[in-house]
Amino acid sequence: MTQAAPSVFKATMAALDLTIEDGAPEWVHLLPTAKGKVLTNDQRGPYDVTDAAAIIAASFADQPKLQIDENHAEDLKSGKGEPSPARGWITEMQAREDGIWGKVEWTRAGRMLVRDKAYRAMSPVILHTKAKEVVAILRASLVNRPNFRGLVSLNQETSMDAMAQMAAALGLAEGASAEDILAAIKALKDKGEGDKAKGDMPALQAAIAQIGVA
């Protein structure tokens, strides 16, 4: 019984490590800014984002879900009668401080591709004016060399999402660093060992259970 707290702690951390490494991100980065310039790696940009809310509304004006394919197959292959299967569907978008993010409903094949790190980034297909103002996001594609600069990689977002959930479970402020999270977990473990000596185990187990859910 003396090893109960450390055992629960180690099991929880193992589960968290699996979540970070094994999953596909629930949210993907579609535009690197909610207001400003979008720089590119070719001569087609830069583009302007002036109204993120209007872009999101226009994106879903004609369809409830936006397709995610591989290497822009919908644009390059479907017109030739070649397959362009969906690897996921964007069902929602949010404007955040660092740009526009899309919530993804992954297909099984898409989740496997991301989980196996076959692709490192997301590349959106946009609708824009002659003045290069972004009007809507039409769809997105799994790629390894995105044209837009400043997008968060798929695997980075997976880790960031898990970290944000752990920080919330630990009662830390939004944006807490990995060091902050590790310090809080260590403090929780130290407190648990003190509580164990007093015979007060439920508090530690309840706190660790919250982290496990995250």
Protein backbone atom coordinates (compact mmCIF):
# COMPACT_ATOMS: atom_id res chain seq x y z
CA MET A 1 0.00 0.00 0.00
CA THR A 2 2.92 2.34 0.54
CA GLN A 3 3.49 2.56 -3.25
CA ALA A 4 -0.11 3.45 -4.18
CA ALA A 5 0.44 7.13 -4.88
CA PRO A 6 3.62 6.77 -7.01
CA SER A 7 2.02 3.89 -8.95
CA VAL A 8 -1.07 5.95 -9.80
CA PHE A 9 1.17 8.87 -10.69
CA LYS A 10 3.35 6.79 -13.05
CA ALA A 11 0.35 5.17 -14.71
CA THR A 12 -1.24 8.56 -15.29
CA MET A 13 1.94 10.01 -16.82
CA ALA A 14 2.28 6.97 -19.11
CA ALA A 15 -1.29 7.49 -20.32
CA LEU A 16 -0.59 11.16 -20.94
CA ASP A 17 2.54 10.34 -22.96
CA LEU A 18 0.49 7.96 -25.12
CA THR A 19 -2.14 10.65 -25.72
CA ILE A 20 0.47 13.16 -26.87
CA GLU A 21 2.23 10.74 -29.22
CA ASP A 22 -0.67 8.66 -30.51
CA GLY A 23 -3.48 11.06 -31.38
CA ALA A 24 -4.36 13.37 -34.24
CA PRO A 25 -5.08 17.00 -33.34
CA GLU A 26 -8.69 18.02 -32.82
CA TRP A 27 -7.89 21.52 -34.13
CA VAL A 28 -5.65 22.45 -37.08
CA HIS A 29 -4.10 25.81 -37.96
CA LEU A 30 -5.57 27.17 -41.20
CA LEU A 31 -4.47 30.81 -41.32
CA PRO A 32 -1.49 32.20 -39.35
CA THR A 33 -3.20 35.48 -38.47
CA ALA A 34 -6.69 36.71 -37.58
CA LYS A 35 -5.88 40.19 -38.89
CA GLY A 36 -2.87 41.10 -41.01
CA LYS A 37 -0.61 39.70 -43.71
CA VAL A 38 -0.26 36.04 -44.65
CA LEU A 39 3.22 35.50 -46.04
CA THR A 40 3.91 32.69 -48.52
CA ASN A 41 6.84 30.69 -49.84
CA ASP A 42 6.08 31.51 -53.48
CA GLN A 43 5.07 34.55 -55.52
CA ARG A 44 1.31 34.21 -55.00
CA GLY A 45 1.28 36.15 -51.73
CA PRO A 46 1.18 37.92 -49.48
CA TYR A 47 -2.54 37.82 -48.69
CA ASP A 48 -4.54 40.04 -46.35
CA VAL A 49 -6.84 38.91 -43.55
CA THR A 50 -9.11 41.77 -42.50
CA ASP A 51 -12.21 40.12 -41.01
CA ALA A 52 -11.76 36.63 -39.56
CA ALA A 53 -15.42 36.31 -38.56
CA ALA A 54 -16.56 37.08 -42.11
CA ILE A 55 -14.09 34.54 -43.52
CA ILE A 56 -15.43 31.83 -41.21
CA ALA A 57 -19.05 32.66 -42.08
CA ALA A 58 -18.34 32.62 -45.81
CA SER A 59 -16.44 29.34 -45.56
CA PHE A 60 -19.52 27.50 -44.28
CA ALA A 61 -22.10 29.45 -46.28
CA ASP A 62 -22.61 26.71 -48.89
CA GLN A 63 -21.52 23.56 -47.07
CA PRO A 64 -21.59 22.34 -43.45
CA LYS A 65 -18.21 20.59 -43.66
CA LEU A 66 -15.02 21.37 -45.55
CA GLN A 67 -12.95 18.57 -47.03
CA ILE A 68 -9.39 17.75 -46.01
CA ASP A 69 -7.56 15.75 -48.68
CA GLU A 70 -3.93 14.83 -49.46
CA ASN A 71 -1.61 17.09 -51.45
CA HIS A 72 -4.52 19.09 -52.90
CA ALA A 73 -5.97 16.07 -54.70
CA GLU A 74 -9.42 17.68 -54.92
CA ASP A 75 -7.98 20.54 -56.98
CA LEU A 76 -5.37 18.62 -58.97
CA LYS A 77 -6.97 15.21 -59.56
CA SER A 78 -10.75 15.23 -59.20
CA GLY A 79 -11.23 17.21 -62.42
CA LYS A 80 -9.41 14.44 -64.27
CA GLY A 81 -11.62 11.76 -62.79
CA GLU A 82 -8.91 10.61 -60.40
CA PRO A 83 -9.71 9.86 -56.74
CA SER A 84 -9.50 12.60 -54.13
CA PRO A 85 -10.79 10.93 -50.95
CA ALA A 86 -11.43 12.94 -47.81
CA ARG A 87 -9.02 12.35 -44.95
CA GLY A 88 -11.06 14.51 -42.63
CA TRP A 89 -13.74 17.19 -42.46
CA ILE A 90 -13.52 20.67 -40.96
CA THR A 91 -16.74 21.12 -39.01
CA GLU A 92 -16.07 24.38 -37.18
CA MET A 93 -13.65 27.31 -37.16
CA GLN A 94 -12.43 29.69 -34.49
CA ALA A 95 -10.60 33.02 -34.73
CA ARG A 96 -7.82 33.09 -32.15
CA GLU A 97 -4.94 35.44 -31.41
CA ASP A 98 -2.64 33.44 -33.69
CA GLY A 99 -5.06 33.00 -36.58
CA ILE A 100 -7.97 30.86 -37.72
CA TRP A 101 -8.22 27.27 -36.51
CA GLY A 102 -10.46 24.48 -37.77
CA LYS A 103 -12.00 21.64 -35.75
CA VAL A 104 -11.53 18.33 -37.56
CA GLU A 105 -13.61 15.19 -37.81
CA TRP A 106 -10.90 12.79 -39.03
CA THR A 107 -11.57 9.72 -41.14
CA ARG A 108 -9.84 6.55 -39.98
CA ALA A 109 -7.33 6.81 -42.85
CA GLY A 110 -6.67 10.48 -42.10
CA ARG A 111 -6.10 9.85 -38.41
CA MET A 112 -3.62 7.08 -39.24
CA LEU A 113 -1.70 9.36 -41.64
CA VAL A 114 -1.35 12.08 -39.02
CA ARG A 115 -0.61 9.67 -36.20
CA ASP A 116 2.14 8.03 -38.28
CA LYS A 117 3.54 11.51 -39.11
CA ALA A 118 3.20 10.93 -42.85
CA TYR A 119 2.34 14.62 -43.14
CA ARG A 120 3.61 17.48 -41.04
CA ALA A 121 1.34 20.38 -42.00
CA MET A 122 -2.01 21.63 -43.22
CA SER A 123 -2.38 23.73 -46.37
CA PRO A 124 -5.65 25.64 -46.87
CA VAL A 125 -7.26 26.45 -50.21
CA ILE A 126 -8.53 30.03 -50.04
CA LEU A 127 -10.84 32.26 -52.02
CA HIS A 128 -9.49 35.81 -52.38
CA THR A 129 -10.15 39.05 -54.22
CA LYS A 130 -7.94 40.58 -56.94
CA ALA A 131 -6.40 42.67 -54.19
CA LYS A 132 -5.46 39.39 -52.44
CA GLU A 133 -7.83 39.82 -49.52
CA VAL A 134 -8.88 36.45 -48.11
CA VAL A 135 -12.64 35.95 -48.47
CA ALA A 136 -13.12 32.30 -47.48
CA ILE A 137 -11.40 29.00 -46.80
CA LEU A 138 -12.70 26.42 -49.27
CA ARG A 139 -10.95 23.27 -48.01
CA ALA A 140 -7.55 22.13 -46.78
CA SER A 141 -4.95 19.52 -47.54
CA LEU A 142 -2.42 17.37 -45.71
CA VAL A 143 1.03 18.34 -47.02
CA ASN A 144 4.67 18.36 -46.03
CA ARG A 145 5.60 21.71 -47.58
CA PRO A 146 2.86 24.27 -46.90
CA ASN A 147 2.89 27.50 -48.86
CA PHE A 148 1.68 29.68 -45.98
CA ARG A 149 4.30 30.67 -43.45
CA GLY A 150 3.70 30.60 -39.71
CA LEU A 151 1.31 27.65 -39.48
CA VAL A 152 1.59 25.33 -36.47
CA SER A 153 2.62 21.81 -37.52
CA LEU A 154 0.16 18.96 -36.98
CA ASN A 155 2.28 17.10 -34.43
CA GLN A 156 3.07 20.31 -32.56
CA GLU A 157 -0.64 21.02 -32.18
CA THR A 158 -1.23 17.50 -30.86
CA SER A 159 1.30 18.12 -28.09
CA MET A 160 0.04 21.65 -27.44
CA ASP A 161 -3.55 20.43 -27.13
CA ALA A 162 -2.59 17.80 -24.56
CA MET A 163 -0.48 20.33 -22.66
CA ALA A 164 -3.37 22.80 -22.54
CA GLN A 165 -5.68 20.12 -21.12
CA MET A 166 -3.11 19.12 -18.50
CA ALA A 167 -2.60 22.77 -17.51
CA ALA A 168 -6.36 23.22 -17.08
CA ALA A 169 -6.61 20.05 -14.96
CA LEU A 170 -3.79 21.32 -12.76
CA GLY A 171 -5.47 24.70 -12.33
CA LEU A 172 -2.72 26.58 -14.20
CA ALA A 173 -3.27 29.71 -16.27
CA GLU A 174 -3.81 29.45 -20.03
CA GLY A 175 -0.51 29.35 -21.88
CA ALA A 176 1.35 27.54 -19.10
CA SER A 177 4.70 26.18 -20.27
CA ALA A 178 5.92 22.59 -20.08
CA GLU A 179 8.14 23.63 -17.17
CA ASP A 180 5.11 25.05 -15.33
CA ILE A 181 3.19 21.82 -15.87
CA LEU A 182 6.06 19.61 -14.69
CA ALA A 183 6.56 21.80 -11.60
CA ALA A 184 2.85 21.57 -10.75
CA ILE A 185 2.87 17.78 -11.18
CA LYS A 186 5.94 17.49 -8.96
CA ALA A 187 4.27 19.68 -6.33
CA LEU A 188 1.16 17.49 -6.55
CA LYS A 189 3.28 14.35 -6.14
CA ASP A 190 5.15 15.85 -3.16
CA LYS A 191 1.87 16.88 -1.56
CA GLY A 192 0.49 13.41 -2.15
CA GLU A 193 3.41 11.81 -0.38
CA GLY A 194 2.78 14.14 2.56
CA ASP A 195 -0.92 13.34 2.54
CA LYS A 196 -0.12 9.64 2.36
CA ALA A 197 1.90 9.94 5.54
CA LYS A 198 -1.18 11.51 7.15
CA GLY A 199 -3.44 8.80 5.77
CA ASP A 200 -5.18 11.25 3.40
CA MET A 201 -4.94 9.53 -0.03
CA PRO A 202 -8.31 10.45 -1.66
CA ALA A 203 -7.27 14.06 -2.37
CA LEU A 204 -4.19 12.99 -4.33
CA GLN A 205 -6.04 10.29 -6.25
CA ALA A 206 -8.86 12.67 -7.18
CA ALA A 207 -6.39 15.28 -8.47
CA ILE A 208 -4.45 12.74 -10.54
CA ALA A 209 -7.70 11.35 -11.95
CA GLN A 210 -8.52 14.84 -13.27
CA ILE A 211 -5.19 14.95 -15.10
CA GLY A 212 -5.82 11.48 -16.51
CA VAL A 213 -9.16 12.62 -17.95
CA ALA A 214 -7.41 15.57 -19.62
